Amino acid sequence: MTDTETDGDTTPGYADALAELDGILSDLEADDIDIDVLATKVERAAELIQLCQNRIATARVQVEKVVSELGAVESPTDPDGDPDPDDETLFE
């Protein structure tokens, strides 16, 4: 398992958390799940879901930052603001 380590704390990465969630889901779908384990698995699933949501939110912010930085670079446009199809630099 690949973990992200911060000061000795091991937190699974997104892919590992998703794989663990998939395993928990399989366990929960089984007819023979031990009721004593059920609450623990549901709590762990909730933690993993929160972790995945946080990772997605962080990635979204990073992507938006990159896109906005790319948008700061002016691209050739025609007078109505649309990319000029006759401008050969668009296809380089």
N, C-alpha and C. Protein backbone atom coordinates (compact mmCIF):
# COMPACT_ATOMS: atom_id res chain seq x y z
N MET A 1 0.85 -1.17 0.00
CA MET A 1 0.00 0.00 0.00
C MET A 1 0.89 1.23 0.00
N THR A 2 0.60 2.20 -0.86
CA THR A 2 1.34 3.44 -0.91
C THR A 2 0.65 4.44 -0.02
N ASP A 3 1.39 5.00 0.94
CA ASP A 3 0.83 5.95 1.87
C ASP A 3 1.52 7.29 1.73
N THR A 4 0.81 8.33 2.09
CA THR A 4 1.40 9.65 2.21
C THR A 4 1.75 9.81 3.67
N GLU A 5 3.02 10.06 3.96
CA GLU A 5 3.44 10.15 5.35
C GLU A 5 3.73 11.59 5.72
N THR A 6 3.18 12.03 6.83
CA THR A 6 3.42 13.35 7.37
C THR A 6 3.68 13.21 8.86
N ASP A 7 4.91 13.47 9.26
CA ASP A 7 5.29 13.37 10.66
C ASP A 7 4.90 12.02 11.27
N GLY A 8 5.17 10.95 10.56
CA GLY A 8 4.88 9.62 11.07
C GLY A 8 3.45 9.18 10.88
N ASP A 9 2.57 10.09 10.49
CA ASP A 9 1.17 9.75 10.25
C ASP A 9 1.05 9.16 8.86
N THR A 10 0.41 8.01 8.76
CA THR A 10 0.21 7.41 7.44
C THR A 10 -1.24 7.57 7.03
N THR A 11 -1.43 8.24 5.92
CA THR A 11 -2.75 8.46 5.37
C THR A 11 -2.74 7.86 3.97
N PRO A 12 -3.70 7.03 3.66
CA PRO A 12 -3.69 6.44 2.32
C PRO A 12 -3.89 7.49 1.24
N GLY A 13 -3.29 7.26 0.10
CA GLY A 13 -3.53 8.13 -1.05
C GLY A 13 -4.93 7.87 -1.58
N TYR A 14 -5.32 8.65 -2.55
CA TYR A 14 -6.67 8.54 -3.10
C TYR A 14 -6.95 7.14 -3.65
N ALA A 15 -6.03 6.61 -4.44
CA ALA A 15 -6.24 5.29 -5.05
C ALA A 15 -6.35 4.20 -3.98
N ASP A 16 -5.50 4.29 -2.96
CA ASP A 16 -5.55 3.29 -1.89
C ASP A 16 -6.84 3.41 -1.08
N ALA A 17 -7.28 4.64 -0.83
CA ALA A 17 -8.53 4.85 -0.09
C ALA A 17 -9.71 4.30 -0.89
N LEU A 18 -9.68 4.55 -2.18
CA LEU A 18 -10.75 4.04 -3.04
C LEU A 18 -10.77 2.51 -3.07
N ALA A 19 -9.59 1.90 -3.12
CA ALA A 19 -9.50 0.44 -3.11
C ALA A 19 -10.01 -0.11 -1.77
N GLU A 20 -9.65 0.55 -0.68
CA GLU A 20 -10.13 0.10 0.63
C GLU A 20 -11.64 0.25 0.73
N LEU A 21 -12.17 1.34 0.20
CA LEU A 21 -13.63 1.53 0.18
C LEU A 21 -14.32 0.42 -0.60
N ASP A 22 -13.72 0.06 -1.73
CA ASP A 22 -14.27 -1.03 -2.54
C ASP A 22 -14.30 -2.33 -1.75
N GLY A 23 -13.24 -2.59 -0.99
CA GLY A 23 -13.20 -3.79 -0.16
C GLY A 23 -14.26 -3.76 0.94
N ILE A 24 -14.43 -2.60 1.55
CA ILE A 24 -15.45 -2.46 2.60
C ILE A 24 -16.84 -2.68 2.01
N LEU A 25 -17.07 -2.11 0.83
CA LEU A 25 -18.36 -2.30 0.17
C LEU A 25 -18.64 -3.77 -0.09
N SER A 26 -17.62 -4.48 -0.56
CA SER A 26 -17.78 -5.93 -0.79
C SER A 26 -18.12 -6.65 0.50
N ASP A 27 -17.43 -6.26 1.59
CA ASP A 27 -17.71 -6.87 2.89
C ASP A 27 -19.14 -6.59 3.34
N LEU A 28 -19.58 -5.34 3.14
CA LEU A 28 -20.93 -4.96 3.57
C LEU A 28 -22.02 -5.64 2.75
N GLU A 29 -21.70 -5.96 1.49
CA GLU A 29 -22.68 -6.63 0.64
C GLU A 29 -22.78 -8.12 0.94
N ALA A 30 -21.82 -8.65 1.67
CA ALA A 30 -21.83 -10.08 2.00
C ALA A 30 -22.95 -10.36 3.00
N ASP A 31 -23.56 -11.52 2.83
CA ASP A 31 -24.66 -11.91 3.72
C ASP A 31 -24.18 -12.29 5.12
N ASP A 32 -22.91 -12.64 5.23
CA ASP A 32 -22.42 -13.17 6.51
C ASP A 32 -21.57 -12.18 7.29
N ILE A 33 -21.80 -10.87 7.11
CA ILE A 33 -21.00 -9.89 7.84
C ILE A 33 -21.33 -9.94 9.33
N ASP A 34 -20.28 -9.91 10.12
CA ASP A 34 -20.41 -9.92 11.58
C ASP A 34 -20.96 -8.57 12.03
N ILE A 35 -22.05 -8.57 12.71
CA ILE A 35 -22.71 -7.33 13.14
C ILE A 35 -21.80 -6.51 14.04
N ASP A 36 -20.88 -7.17 14.77
CA ASP A 36 -19.95 -6.46 15.64
C ASP A 36 -18.92 -5.67 14.82
N VAL A 37 -18.69 -6.09 13.60
CA VAL A 37 -17.71 -5.44 12.74
C VAL A 37 -18.37 -4.38 11.86
N LEU A 38 -19.66 -4.48 11.70
CA LEU A 38 -20.40 -3.59 10.80
C LEU A 38 -20.17 -2.12 11.12
N ALA A 39 -20.36 -1.71 12.36
CA ALA A 39 -20.21 -0.30 12.73
C ALA A 39 -18.79 0.20 12.48
N THR A 40 -17.81 -0.64 12.77
CA THR A 40 -16.42 -0.26 12.55
C THR A 40 -16.15 -0.03 11.07
N LYS A 41 -16.67 -0.92 10.24
CA LYS A 41 -16.47 -0.79 8.78
C LYS A 41 -17.18 0.44 8.23
N VAL A 42 -18.36 0.73 8.72
CA VAL A 42 -19.10 1.90 8.26
C VAL A 42 -18.37 3.18 8.68
N GLU A 43 -17.83 3.21 9.91
CA GLU A 43 -17.06 4.36 10.36
C GLU A 43 -15.81 4.56 9.51
N ARG A 44 -15.12 3.47 9.21
CA ARG A 44 -13.92 3.56 8.37
C ARG A 44 -14.29 4.04 6.97
N ALA A 45 -15.39 3.56 6.44
CA ALA A 45 -15.84 3.99 5.12
C ALA A 45 -16.11 5.49 5.12
N ALA A 46 -16.73 5.99 6.17
CA ALA A 46 -17.01 7.43 6.28
C ALA A 46 -15.71 8.23 6.29
N GLU A 47 -14.70 7.74 7.00
CA GLU A 47 -13.39 8.42 7.05
C GLU A 47 -12.75 8.44 5.66
N LEU A 48 -12.83 7.32 4.97
CA LEU A 48 -12.24 7.22 3.64
C LEU A 48 -12.97 8.11 2.63
N ILE A 49 -14.29 8.17 2.74
CA ILE A 49 -15.06 9.04 1.86
C ILE A 49 -14.66 10.49 2.08
N GLN A 50 -14.51 10.90 3.33
CA GLN A 50 -14.10 12.27 3.64
C GLN A 50 -12.71 12.55 3.08
N LEU A 51 -11.80 11.59 3.24
CA LEU A 51 -10.45 11.74 2.71
C LEU A 51 -10.49 11.92 1.20
N CYS A 52 -11.28 11.10 0.50
CA CYS A 52 -11.39 11.20 -0.96
C CYS A 52 -11.99 12.54 -1.37
N GLN A 53 -13.01 13.00 -0.67
CA GLN A 53 -13.60 14.29 -0.98
C GLN A 53 -12.59 15.42 -0.80
N ASN A 54 -11.78 15.33 0.25
CA ASN A 54 -10.75 16.35 0.48
C ASN A 54 -9.71 16.33 -0.62
N ARG A 55 -9.30 15.12 -1.05
CA ARG A 55 -8.31 15.01 -2.13
C ARG A 55 -8.87 15.59 -3.43
N ILE A 56 -10.14 15.32 -3.71
CA ILE A 56 -10.76 15.85 -4.92
C ILE A 56 -10.84 17.38 -4.86
N ALA A 57 -11.20 17.92 -3.70
CA ALA A 57 -11.28 19.37 -3.54
C ALA A 57 -9.91 20.01 -3.74
N THR A 58 -8.88 19.40 -3.18
CA THR A 58 -7.52 19.91 -3.33
C THR A 58 -7.09 19.87 -4.79
N ALA A 59 -7.38 18.77 -5.45
CA ALA A 59 -7.03 18.64 -6.87
C ALA A 59 -7.78 19.68 -7.70
N ARG A 60 -9.04 19.91 -7.38
CA ARG A 60 -9.84 20.90 -8.12
C ARG A 60 -9.21 22.29 -8.01
N VAL A 61 -8.78 22.66 -6.81
CA VAL A 61 -8.14 23.96 -6.60
C VAL A 61 -6.86 24.06 -7.41
N GLN A 62 -6.07 22.98 -7.40
CA GLN A 62 -4.82 22.98 -8.16
C GLN A 62 -5.07 23.10 -9.66
N VAL A 63 -6.06 22.37 -10.16
CA VAL A 63 -6.39 22.42 -11.59
C VAL A 63 -6.90 23.81 -11.96
N GLU A 64 -7.77 24.37 -11.13
CA GLU A 64 -8.29 25.71 -11.41
C GLU A 64 -7.17 26.75 -11.44
N LYS A 65 -6.19 26.59 -10.56
CA LYS A 65 -5.05 27.50 -10.53
C LYS A 65 -4.26 27.40 -11.84
N VAL A 66 -3.99 26.18 -12.27
CA VAL A 66 -3.24 25.98 -13.51
C VAL A 66 -4.02 26.55 -14.70
N VAL A 67 -5.31 26.27 -14.74
CA VAL A 67 -6.14 26.76 -15.85
C VAL A 67 -6.17 28.28 -15.86
N SER A 68 -6.30 28.90 -14.68
CA SER A 68 -6.34 30.36 -14.65
C SER A 68 -5.00 30.95 -15.06
N GLU A 69 -3.91 30.28 -14.71
CA GLU A 69 -2.59 30.74 -15.15
C GLU A 69 -2.45 30.61 -16.66
N LEU A 70 -3.00 29.55 -17.21
CA LEU A 70 -2.98 29.39 -18.67
C LEU A 70 -3.85 30.43 -19.34
N GLY A 71 -4.96 30.77 -18.71
CA GLY A 71 -5.85 31.78 -19.26
C GLY A 71 -5.24 33.17 -19.26
N ALA A 72 -4.26 33.39 -18.39
CA ALA A 72 -3.58 34.68 -18.34
C ALA A 72 -2.72 34.90 -19.57
N VAL A 73 -2.33 33.80 -20.22
CA VAL A 73 -1.56 33.90 -21.45
C VAL A 73 -2.57 34.16 -22.56
N GLU A 74 -2.44 35.30 -23.21
CA GLU A 74 -3.42 35.67 -24.23
C GLU A 74 -3.26 34.80 -25.46
N SER A 75 -4.39 34.37 -25.99
CA SER A 75 -4.39 33.60 -27.23
C SER A 75 -4.93 34.50 -28.34
N PRO A 76 -4.50 34.24 -29.57
CA PRO A 76 -4.99 35.05 -30.69
C PRO A 76 -6.50 34.89 -30.84
N THR A 77 -7.18 36.01 -30.99
CA THR A 77 -8.64 35.97 -31.17
C THR A 77 -9.02 36.90 -32.30
N ASP A 78 -10.18 36.64 -32.87
CA ASP A 78 -10.69 37.56 -33.87
C ASP A 78 -11.48 38.66 -33.13
N PRO A 79 -12.01 39.64 -33.81
CA PRO A 79 -12.66 40.78 -33.13
C PRO A 79 -13.81 40.41 -32.19
N ASP A 80 -14.52 39.30 -32.44
CA ASP A 80 -15.63 38.96 -31.54
C ASP A 80 -15.18 38.14 -30.34
N GLY A 81 -13.88 37.95 -30.17
CA GLY A 81 -13.35 37.26 -29.00
C GLY A 81 -13.17 35.78 -29.16
N ASP A 82 -13.60 35.22 -30.30
CA ASP A 82 -13.44 33.79 -30.56
C ASP A 82 -12.05 33.54 -31.13
N PRO A 83 -11.51 32.36 -30.93
CA PRO A 83 -10.22 32.06 -31.55
C PRO A 83 -10.31 32.24 -33.06
N ASP A 84 -9.30 32.86 -33.63
CA ASP A 84 -9.28 33.13 -35.06
C ASP A 84 -8.87 31.87 -35.81
N PRO A 85 -9.78 31.24 -36.57
CA PRO A 85 -9.45 29.99 -37.26
C PRO A 85 -8.39 30.16 -38.34
N ASP A 86 -8.16 31.40 -38.79
CA ASP A 86 -7.14 31.63 -39.80
C ASP A 86 -5.75 31.85 -39.21
N ASP A 87 -5.67 31.95 -37.89
CA ASP A 87 -4.38 32.17 -37.24
C ASP A 87 -3.65 30.84 -37.13
N GLU A 88 -2.54 30.71 -37.85
CA GLU A 88 -1.81 29.45 -37.90
C GLU A 88 -1.15 29.10 -36.57
N THR A 89 -0.97 30.05 -35.67
CA THR A 89 -0.32 29.75 -34.38
C THR A 89 -1.20 28.88 -33.50
N LEU A 90 -2.49 28.82 -33.77
CA LEU A 90 -3.38 27.98 -32.99
C LEU A 90 -3.10 26.51 -33.18
N PHE A 91 -2.49 26.16 -34.31
CA PHE A 91 -2.32 24.75 -34.64
C PHE A 91 -0.86 24.32 -34.52
N GLU A 92 -0.04 25.10 -33.88
CA GLU A 92 1.38 24.72 -33.71
C GLU A 92 1.52 23.77 -32.56
